[in-house]
Amino acid sequence: MEKLQMNYEEMLTKAIEKLPKKQEAKDRFVVPDAMVEISGSRSIFKNFGEVADKLRREHAHLAKYLSKEIATAGSVQGVTLVFQGNIRRDILQKKIVDYVKEFVYCKECGEPDTKLVKRDRVTLMVCEACGAKHPVRNI
């Protein structure tokens, strides 16, 4: 029995040695950088449509959140979002990261594979990875 045990342990050691070395995990989801152009008294979020699509959220929902958080009027014009006033890129980027934490990442598993579903008067964030459902605040 002991000889069989040694063979098993040797085989296990050889198998472990043949496994590929663990690589550092790269995030498959990266929050896109905001591209902002200031034109007079307006700030134009140039890649707004791309960011909303990457986050898998409705353009109107993201635009409403950003307008309220920055406390200025904003309007969607095609794939851009135009704000009244001069908004710095770093401020807008921080607000996008805050949005992702609150409305994109699952509260249970931390994955970005979620969608927003409206049930009656409550908006739920439903995770497609683990199946968790959490209510989110209305904006």
N, C-alpha and C. Protein backbone atom coordinates (compact mmCIF):
# COMPACT_ATOMS: atom_id res chain seq x y z
N MET A 1 0.83 -1.20 0.00
CA MET A 1 0.00 0.00 0.00
C MET A 1 0.87 1.26 0.00
N GLU A 2 1.98 1.23 0.75
CA GLU A 2 2.85 2.39 0.83
C GLU A 2 3.50 2.68 -0.52
N LYS A 3 3.86 1.62 -1.25
CA LYS A 3 4.47 1.82 -2.57
C LYS A 3 3.46 2.48 -3.51
N LEU A 4 2.22 2.07 -3.43
CA LEU A 4 1.17 2.69 -4.24
C LEU A 4 1.01 4.16 -3.84
N GLN A 5 1.08 4.45 -2.56
CA GLN A 5 0.96 5.82 -2.05
C GLN A 5 2.10 6.69 -2.61
N MET A 6 3.31 6.21 -2.61
CA MET A 6 4.44 6.96 -3.13
C MET A 6 4.25 7.24 -4.62
N ASN A 7 3.79 6.25 -5.35
CA ASN A 7 3.58 6.45 -6.77
C ASN A 7 2.54 7.54 -7.02
N TYR A 8 1.51 7.52 -6.22
CA TYR A 8 0.45 8.53 -6.36
C TYR A 8 1.02 9.92 -6.09
N GLU A 9 1.79 10.05 -5.00
CA GLU A 9 2.36 11.36 -4.65
C GLU A 9 3.35 11.82 -5.70
N GLU A 10 4.15 10.89 -6.25
CA GLU A 10 5.09 11.25 -7.32
C GLU A 10 4.34 11.71 -8.56
N MET A 11 3.29 10.97 -8.89
CA MET A 11 2.49 11.34 -10.06
C MET A 11 1.84 12.71 -9.86
N LEU A 12 1.35 12.96 -8.66
CA LEU A 12 0.73 14.24 -8.35
C LEU A 12 1.74 15.38 -8.47
N THR A 13 2.93 15.17 -7.98
CA THR A 13 3.99 16.18 -8.06
C THR A 13 4.34 16.46 -9.51
N LYS A 14 4.47 15.41 -10.32
CA LYS A 14 4.78 15.59 -11.74
C LYS A 14 3.66 16.34 -12.45
N ALA A 15 2.42 16.01 -12.11
CA ALA A 15 1.29 16.68 -12.74
C ALA A 15 1.26 18.16 -12.39
N ILE A 16 1.54 18.49 -11.15
CA ILE A 16 1.56 19.89 -10.71
C ILE A 16 2.67 20.65 -11.42
N GLU A 17 3.81 20.02 -11.60
CA GLU A 17 4.94 20.67 -12.29
C GLU A 17 4.60 20.97 -13.75
N LYS A 18 3.77 20.13 -14.37
CA LYS A 18 3.43 20.32 -15.76
C LYS A 18 2.35 21.39 -15.98
N LEU A 19 1.66 21.77 -14.93
CA LEU A 19 0.63 22.80 -15.05
C LEU A 19 1.29 24.13 -15.41
N PRO A 20 0.61 24.94 -16.22
CA PRO A 20 1.18 26.25 -16.54
C PRO A 20 1.25 27.12 -15.28
N LYS A 21 2.28 27.94 -15.23
CA LYS A 21 2.44 28.83 -14.09
C LYS A 21 1.28 29.82 -14.06
N LYS A 22 0.82 30.12 -12.87
CA LYS A 22 -0.30 31.04 -12.72
C LYS A 22 0.12 32.43 -13.17
N GLN A 23 -0.67 32.96 -14.08
CA GLN A 23 -0.38 34.30 -14.59
C GLN A 23 -1.19 35.31 -13.80
N GLU A 24 -0.69 36.51 -13.76
CA GLU A 24 -1.40 37.57 -13.08
C GLU A 24 -2.69 37.85 -13.84
N ALA A 25 -3.79 37.85 -13.12
CA ALA A 25 -5.09 38.05 -13.77
C ALA A 25 -5.24 39.50 -14.23
N LYS A 26 -5.62 39.67 -15.48
CA LYS A 26 -5.90 41.00 -16.00
C LYS A 26 -7.41 41.19 -15.94
N ASP A 27 -7.81 42.38 -15.60
CA ASP A 27 -9.24 42.67 -15.61
C ASP A 27 -9.74 42.64 -17.04
N ARG A 28 -10.82 41.95 -17.25
CA ARG A 28 -11.39 41.90 -18.58
C ARG A 28 -12.30 43.10 -18.81
N PHE A 29 -12.59 43.80 -17.73
CA PHE A 29 -13.44 44.98 -17.81
C PHE A 29 -12.65 46.18 -17.30
N VAL A 30 -12.46 47.14 -18.14
CA VAL A 30 -11.74 48.35 -17.76
C VAL A 30 -12.66 49.54 -18.02
N VAL A 31 -12.77 50.40 -17.04
CA VAL A 31 -13.61 51.59 -17.20
C VAL A 31 -12.96 52.49 -18.25
N PRO A 32 -13.69 52.84 -19.30
CA PRO A 32 -13.12 53.67 -20.37
C PRO A 32 -12.79 55.08 -19.87
N ASP A 33 -11.77 55.68 -20.45
CA ASP A 33 -11.40 57.06 -20.12
C ASP A 33 -12.32 58.03 -20.86
N ALA A 34 -12.70 59.08 -20.15
CA ALA A 34 -13.54 60.11 -20.74
C ALA A 34 -12.70 61.06 -21.58
N MET A 35 -13.22 61.42 -22.74
CA MET A 35 -12.57 62.42 -23.59
C MET A 35 -13.45 63.67 -23.55
N VAL A 36 -12.91 64.74 -22.98
CA VAL A 36 -13.67 65.97 -22.79
C VAL A 36 -13.03 67.09 -23.59
N GLU A 37 -13.88 67.84 -24.26
CA GLU A 37 -13.44 69.01 -25.01
C GLU A 37 -14.23 70.21 -24.50
N ILE A 38 -13.52 71.25 -24.09
CA ILE A 38 -14.19 72.45 -23.60
C ILE A 38 -14.31 73.43 -24.75
N SER A 39 -15.54 73.88 -24.97
CA SER A 39 -15.83 74.80 -26.07
C SER A 39 -16.63 75.97 -25.51
N GLY A 40 -15.96 77.06 -25.24
CA GLY A 40 -16.63 78.22 -24.67
C GLY A 40 -17.10 77.91 -23.26
N SER A 41 -18.40 78.04 -23.04
CA SER A 41 -18.96 77.75 -21.71
C SER A 41 -19.61 76.37 -21.66
N ARG A 42 -19.23 75.52 -22.59
CA ARG A 42 -19.78 74.16 -22.63
C ARG A 42 -18.66 73.14 -22.60
N SER A 43 -18.96 71.98 -22.02
CA SER A 43 -18.02 70.86 -22.03
C SER A 43 -18.66 69.73 -22.80
N ILE A 44 -17.92 69.17 -23.74
CA ILE A 44 -18.45 68.11 -24.60
C ILE A 44 -17.74 66.81 -24.25
N PHE A 45 -18.53 65.85 -23.79
CA PHE A 45 -18.05 64.50 -23.46
C PHE A 45 -18.09 63.74 -24.78
N LYS A 46 -16.95 63.73 -25.50
CA LYS A 46 -16.87 63.24 -26.87
C LYS A 46 -17.21 61.75 -27.04
N ASN A 47 -16.72 60.91 -26.14
CA ASN A 47 -16.92 59.46 -26.30
C ASN A 47 -17.99 58.93 -25.34
N PHE A 48 -19.00 59.74 -25.09
CA PHE A 48 -20.08 59.35 -24.17
C PHE A 48 -20.78 58.07 -24.63
N GLY A 49 -21.12 57.99 -25.91
CA GLY A 49 -21.82 56.81 -26.44
C GLY A 49 -20.98 55.55 -26.28
N GLU A 50 -19.70 55.65 -26.54
CA GLU A 50 -18.79 54.51 -26.40
C GLU A 50 -18.72 54.04 -24.94
N VAL A 51 -18.63 55.01 -24.02
CA VAL A 51 -18.56 54.68 -22.59
C VAL A 51 -19.85 54.00 -22.14
N ALA A 52 -21.00 54.55 -22.51
CA ALA A 52 -22.29 53.96 -22.12
C ALA A 52 -22.44 52.55 -22.69
N ASP A 53 -22.02 52.36 -23.93
CA ASP A 53 -22.10 51.03 -24.55
C ASP A 53 -21.17 50.04 -23.85
N LYS A 54 -19.97 50.48 -23.49
CA LYS A 54 -19.01 49.61 -22.80
C LYS A 54 -19.56 49.20 -21.43
N LEU A 55 -20.25 50.13 -20.76
CA LEU A 55 -20.84 49.83 -19.45
C LEU A 55 -22.14 49.05 -19.57
N ARG A 56 -22.66 48.94 -20.79
CA ARG A 56 -23.93 48.24 -21.07
C ARG A 56 -25.09 48.88 -20.32
N ARG A 57 -25.16 50.19 -20.41
CA ARG A 57 -26.22 50.96 -19.77
C ARG A 57 -26.86 51.89 -20.78
N GLU A 58 -28.13 52.23 -20.53
CA GLU A 58 -28.84 53.15 -21.41
C GLU A 58 -28.17 54.51 -21.34
N HIS A 59 -28.09 55.17 -22.47
CA HIS A 59 -27.45 56.48 -22.54
C HIS A 59 -28.17 57.46 -21.63
N ALA A 60 -29.49 57.41 -21.59
CA ALA A 60 -30.26 58.36 -20.78
C ALA A 60 -29.97 58.18 -19.29
N HIS A 61 -29.80 56.95 -18.84
CA HIS A 61 -29.53 56.68 -17.42
C HIS A 61 -28.18 57.24 -17.01
N LEU A 62 -27.16 56.98 -17.80
CA LEU A 62 -25.83 57.49 -17.49
C LEU A 62 -25.79 59.01 -17.57
N ALA A 63 -26.45 59.58 -18.58
CA ALA A 63 -26.47 61.04 -18.73
C ALA A 63 -27.17 61.71 -17.54
N LYS A 64 -28.27 61.14 -17.10
CA LYS A 64 -29.00 61.69 -15.96
C LYS A 64 -28.14 61.64 -14.70
N TYR A 65 -27.46 60.51 -14.49
CA TYR A 65 -26.59 60.37 -13.31
C TYR A 65 -25.47 61.41 -13.34
N LEU A 66 -24.79 61.52 -14.46
CA LEU A 66 -23.66 62.45 -14.55
C LEU A 66 -24.13 63.90 -14.37
N SER A 67 -25.26 64.25 -14.97
CA SER A 67 -25.77 65.61 -14.83
C SER A 67 -26.09 65.94 -13.38
N LYS A 68 -26.71 65.00 -12.68
CA LYS A 68 -27.05 65.24 -11.28
C LYS A 68 -25.81 65.29 -10.40
N GLU A 69 -24.86 64.40 -10.63
CA GLU A 69 -23.66 64.36 -9.81
C GLU A 69 -22.77 65.59 -10.02
N ILE A 70 -22.71 66.07 -11.24
CA ILE A 70 -21.89 67.24 -11.54
C ILE A 70 -22.67 68.52 -11.24
N ALA A 71 -23.98 68.40 -11.08
CA ALA A 71 -24.87 69.51 -10.75
C ALA A 71 -24.89 70.58 -11.84
N THR A 72 -25.07 70.11 -13.07
CA THR A 72 -25.20 71.02 -14.19
C THR A 72 -26.10 70.38 -15.25
N ALA A 73 -26.64 71.20 -16.12
CA ALA A 73 -27.50 70.69 -17.18
C ALA A 73 -26.65 69.95 -18.21
N GLY A 74 -27.19 68.85 -18.71
CA GLY A 74 -26.51 68.08 -19.73
C GLY A 74 -27.52 67.56 -20.74
N SER A 75 -27.12 67.49 -22.00
CA SER A 75 -28.03 66.96 -23.02
C SER A 75 -27.27 66.04 -23.95
N VAL A 76 -27.91 64.93 -24.29
CA VAL A 76 -27.32 63.96 -25.21
C VAL A 76 -27.56 64.45 -26.63
N GLN A 77 -26.48 64.56 -27.38
CA GLN A 77 -26.57 64.96 -28.78
C GLN A 77 -25.83 63.92 -29.61
N GLY A 78 -26.58 62.96 -30.12
CA GLY A 78 -25.97 61.85 -30.87
C GLY A 78 -25.22 60.95 -29.91
N VAL A 79 -23.90 60.83 -30.12
CA VAL A 79 -23.08 59.99 -29.25
C VAL A 79 -22.24 60.83 -28.28
N THR A 80 -22.57 62.13 -28.18
CA THR A 80 -21.86 62.99 -27.23
C THR A 80 -22.84 63.48 -26.17
N LEU A 81 -22.26 63.93 -25.05
CA LEU A 81 -23.05 64.52 -23.97
C LEU A 81 -22.49 65.91 -23.74
N VAL A 82 -23.34 66.92 -23.84
CA VAL A 82 -22.91 68.31 -23.72
C VAL A 82 -23.38 68.85 -22.38
N PHE A 83 -22.42 69.34 -21.58
CA PHE A 83 -22.71 69.94 -20.28
C PHE A 83 -22.59 71.46 -20.37
N GLN A 84 -23.39 72.15 -19.59
CA GLN A 84 -23.24 73.59 -19.44
C GLN A 84 -22.12 73.82 -18.43
N GLY A 85 -21.18 74.67 -18.75
CA GLY A 85 -20.07 74.96 -17.85
C GLY A 85 -18.83 74.17 -18.22
N ASN A 86 -17.73 74.54 -17.58
CA ASN A 86 -16.45 73.88 -17.84
C ASN A 86 -16.26 72.74 -16.84
N ILE A 87 -16.27 71.52 -17.33
CA ILE A 87 -16.11 70.32 -16.50
C ILE A 87 -14.75 69.71 -16.83
N ARG A 88 -13.92 69.58 -15.82
CA ARG A 88 -12.59 68.98 -16.05
C ARG A 88 -12.73 67.48 -16.26
N ARG A 89 -11.80 66.92 -17.05
CA ARG A 89 -11.81 65.49 -17.38
C ARG A 89 -11.68 64.63 -16.13
N ASP A 90 -10.82 65.01 -15.19
CA ASP A 90 -10.62 64.19 -13.99
C ASP A 90 -11.87 64.11 -13.13
N ILE A 91 -12.64 65.19 -13.06
CA ILE A 91 -13.89 65.18 -12.29
C ILE A 91 -14.89 64.25 -12.96
N LEU A 92 -15.02 64.37 -14.27
CA LEU A 92 -15.95 63.51 -15.02
C LEU A 92 -15.54 62.04 -14.90
N GLN A 93 -14.25 61.77 -14.98
CA GLN A 93 -13.76 60.39 -14.87
C GLN A 93 -14.08 59.81 -13.50
N LYS A 94 -13.92 60.59 -12.45
CA LYS A 94 -14.25 60.11 -11.10
C LYS A 94 -15.73 59.79 -10.98
N LYS A 95 -16.58 60.62 -11.57
CA LYS A 95 -18.03 60.37 -11.53
C LYS A 95 -18.39 59.10 -12.30
N ILE A 96 -17.69 58.82 -13.39
CA ILE A 96 -17.94 57.58 -14.15
C ILE A 96 -17.54 56.38 -13.31
N VAL A 97 -16.40 56.46 -12.63
CA VAL A 97 -15.95 55.36 -11.76
C VAL A 97 -16.96 55.14 -10.63
N ASP A 98 -17.48 56.23 -10.05
CA ASP A 98 -18.51 56.11 -9.00
C ASP A 98 -19.76 55.43 -9.54
N TYR A 99 -20.15 55.79 -10.77
CA TYR A 99 -21.32 55.18 -11.42
C TYR A 99 -21.11 53.67 -11.59
N VAL A 100 -19.92 53.30 -12.03
CA VAL A 100 -19.61 51.88 -12.25
C VAL A 100 -19.70 51.12 -10.92
N LYS A 101 -19.17 51.68 -9.86
CA LYS A 101 -19.23 51.02 -8.55
C LYS A 101 -20.65 50.83 -8.08
N GLU A 102 -21.51 51.82 -8.33
CA GLU A 102 -22.88 51.76 -7.83
C GLU A 102 -23.84 51.01 -8.75
N PHE A 103 -23.68 51.17 -10.06
CA PHE A 103 -24.68 50.65 -10.99
C PHE A 103 -24.20 49.56 -11.95
N VAL A 104 -22.92 49.17 -11.90
CA VAL A 104 -22.43 48.15 -12.84
C VAL A 104 -21.92 46.92 -12.12
N TYR A 105 -21.03 47.09 -11.14
CA TYR A 105 -20.46 45.93 -10.45
C TYR A 105 -21.47 45.28 -9.52
N CYS A 106 -21.54 43.94 -9.57
CA CYS A 106 -22.43 43.16 -8.70
C CYS A 106 -21.98 43.29 -7.25
N LYS A 107 -22.93 43.45 -6.36
CA LYS A 107 -22.63 43.59 -4.93
C LYS A 107 -22.21 42.25 -4.31
N GLU A 108 -22.58 41.14 -4.95
CA GLU A 108 -22.25 39.81 -4.42
C GLU A 108 -20.91 39.29 -4.92
N CYS A 109 -20.77 39.19 -6.24
CA CYS A 109 -19.57 38.56 -6.80
C CYS A 109 -18.56 39.56 -7.36
N GLY A 110 -18.96 40.82 -7.50
CA GLY A 110 -18.04 41.84 -7.97
C GLY A 110 -17.82 41.86 -9.47
N GLU A 111 -18.56 41.08 -10.21
CA GLU A 111 -18.41 41.04 -11.67
C GLU A 111 -19.22 42.16 -12.33
N PRO A 112 -18.79 42.61 -13.50
CA PRO A 112 -19.52 43.68 -14.18
C PRO A 112 -20.65 43.19 -15.08
N ASP A 113 -20.98 41.91 -15.00
CA ASP A 113 -21.99 41.32 -15.88
C ASP A 113 -23.39 41.52 -15.31
N THR A 114 -23.83 42.77 -15.26
CA THR A 114 -25.14 43.07 -14.69
C THR A 114 -25.99 43.83 -15.69
N LYS A 115 -27.27 43.85 -15.40
CA LYS A 115 -28.19 44.67 -16.19
C LYS A 115 -29.20 45.27 -15.22
N LEU A 116 -29.76 46.40 -15.61
CA LEU A 116 -30.77 47.07 -14.79
C LEU A 116 -32.14 46.69 -15.31
N VAL A 117 -32.99 46.23 -14.38
CA VAL A 117 -34.34 45.79 -14.73
C VAL A 117 -35.32 46.55 -13.86
N LYS A 118 -36.33 47.14 -14.48
CA LYS A 118 -37.34 47.90 -13.73
C LYS A 118 -38.51 46.96 -13.42
N ARG A 119 -38.80 46.80 -12.13
CA ARG A 119 -39.95 45.99 -11.68
C ARG A 119 -40.85 46.89 -10.86
N ASP A 120 -42.07 47.11 -11.33
CA ASP A 120 -42.98 48.06 -10.71
C ASP A 120 -42.29 49.42 -10.61
N ARG A 121 -42.06 49.90 -9.40
CA ARG A 121 -41.40 51.20 -9.23
C ARG A 121 -39.97 51.04 -8.75
N VAL A 122 -39.47 49.81 -8.71
CA VAL A 122 -38.14 49.54 -8.18
C VAL A 122 -37.22 49.10 -9.33
N THR A 123 -36.03 49.68 -9.37
CA THR A 123 -35.03 49.26 -10.34
C THR A 123 -34.08 48.28 -9.66
N LEU A 124 -33.93 47.11 -10.27
CA LEU A 124 -33.05 46.07 -9.73
C LEU A 124 -31.83 45.91 -10.61
N MET A 125 -30.69 45.66 -9.96
CA MET A 125 -29.49 45.28 -10.69
C MET A 125 -29.43 43.76 -10.63
N VAL A 126 -29.52 43.12 -11.78
CA VAL A 126 -29.53 41.66 -11.86
C VAL A 126 -28.19 41.21 -12.43
N CYS A 127 -27.50 40.35 -11.68
CA CYS A 127 -26.20 39.84 -12.12
C CYS A 127 -26.40 38.62 -13.01
N GLU A 128 -25.81 38.67 -14.18
CA GLU A 128 -25.90 37.54 -15.10
C GLU A 128 -24.86 36.48 -14.80
N ALA A 129 -23.89 36.79 -13.92
CA ALA A 129 -22.86 35.83 -13.56
C ALA A 129 -23.31 34.95 -12.40
N CYS A 130 -23.83 35.57 -11.33
CA CYS A 130 -24.20 34.77 -10.15
C CYS A 130 -25.70 34.73 -9.88
N GLY A 131 -26.48 35.57 -10.56
CA GLY A 131 -27.93 35.56 -10.39
C GLY A 131 -28.45 36.45 -9.28
N ALA A 132 -27.58 37.17 -8.60
CA ALA A 132 -28.01 38.03 -7.49
C ALA A 132 -28.85 39.19 -8.01
N LYS A 133 -29.77 39.64 -7.16
CA LYS A 133 -30.62 40.79 -7.48
C LYS A 133 -30.54 41.77 -6.32
N HIS A 134 -30.26 43.03 -6.66
CA HIS A 134 -30.18 44.07 -5.64
C HIS A 134 -30.90 45.33 -6.14
N PRO A 135 -31.68 45.95 -5.28
CA PRO A 135 -32.30 47.22 -5.69
C PRO A 135 -31.24 48.32 -5.76
N VAL A 136 -31.40 49.22 -6.70
CA VAL A 136 -30.52 50.38 -6.81
C VAL A 136 -31.38 51.63 -6.69
N ARG A 137 -30.76 52.72 -6.28
CA ARG A 137 -31.51 53.95 -6.09
C ARG A 137 -31.94 54.56 -7.42
N ASN A 138 -33.03 55.26 -7.37
CA ASN A 138 -33.50 55.97 -8.56
C ASN A 138 -32.72 57.27 -8.68
N ILE A 139 -32.46 57.65 -9.91
CA ILE A 139 -31.76 58.92 -10.14
C ILE A 139 -32.61 59.87 -10.93
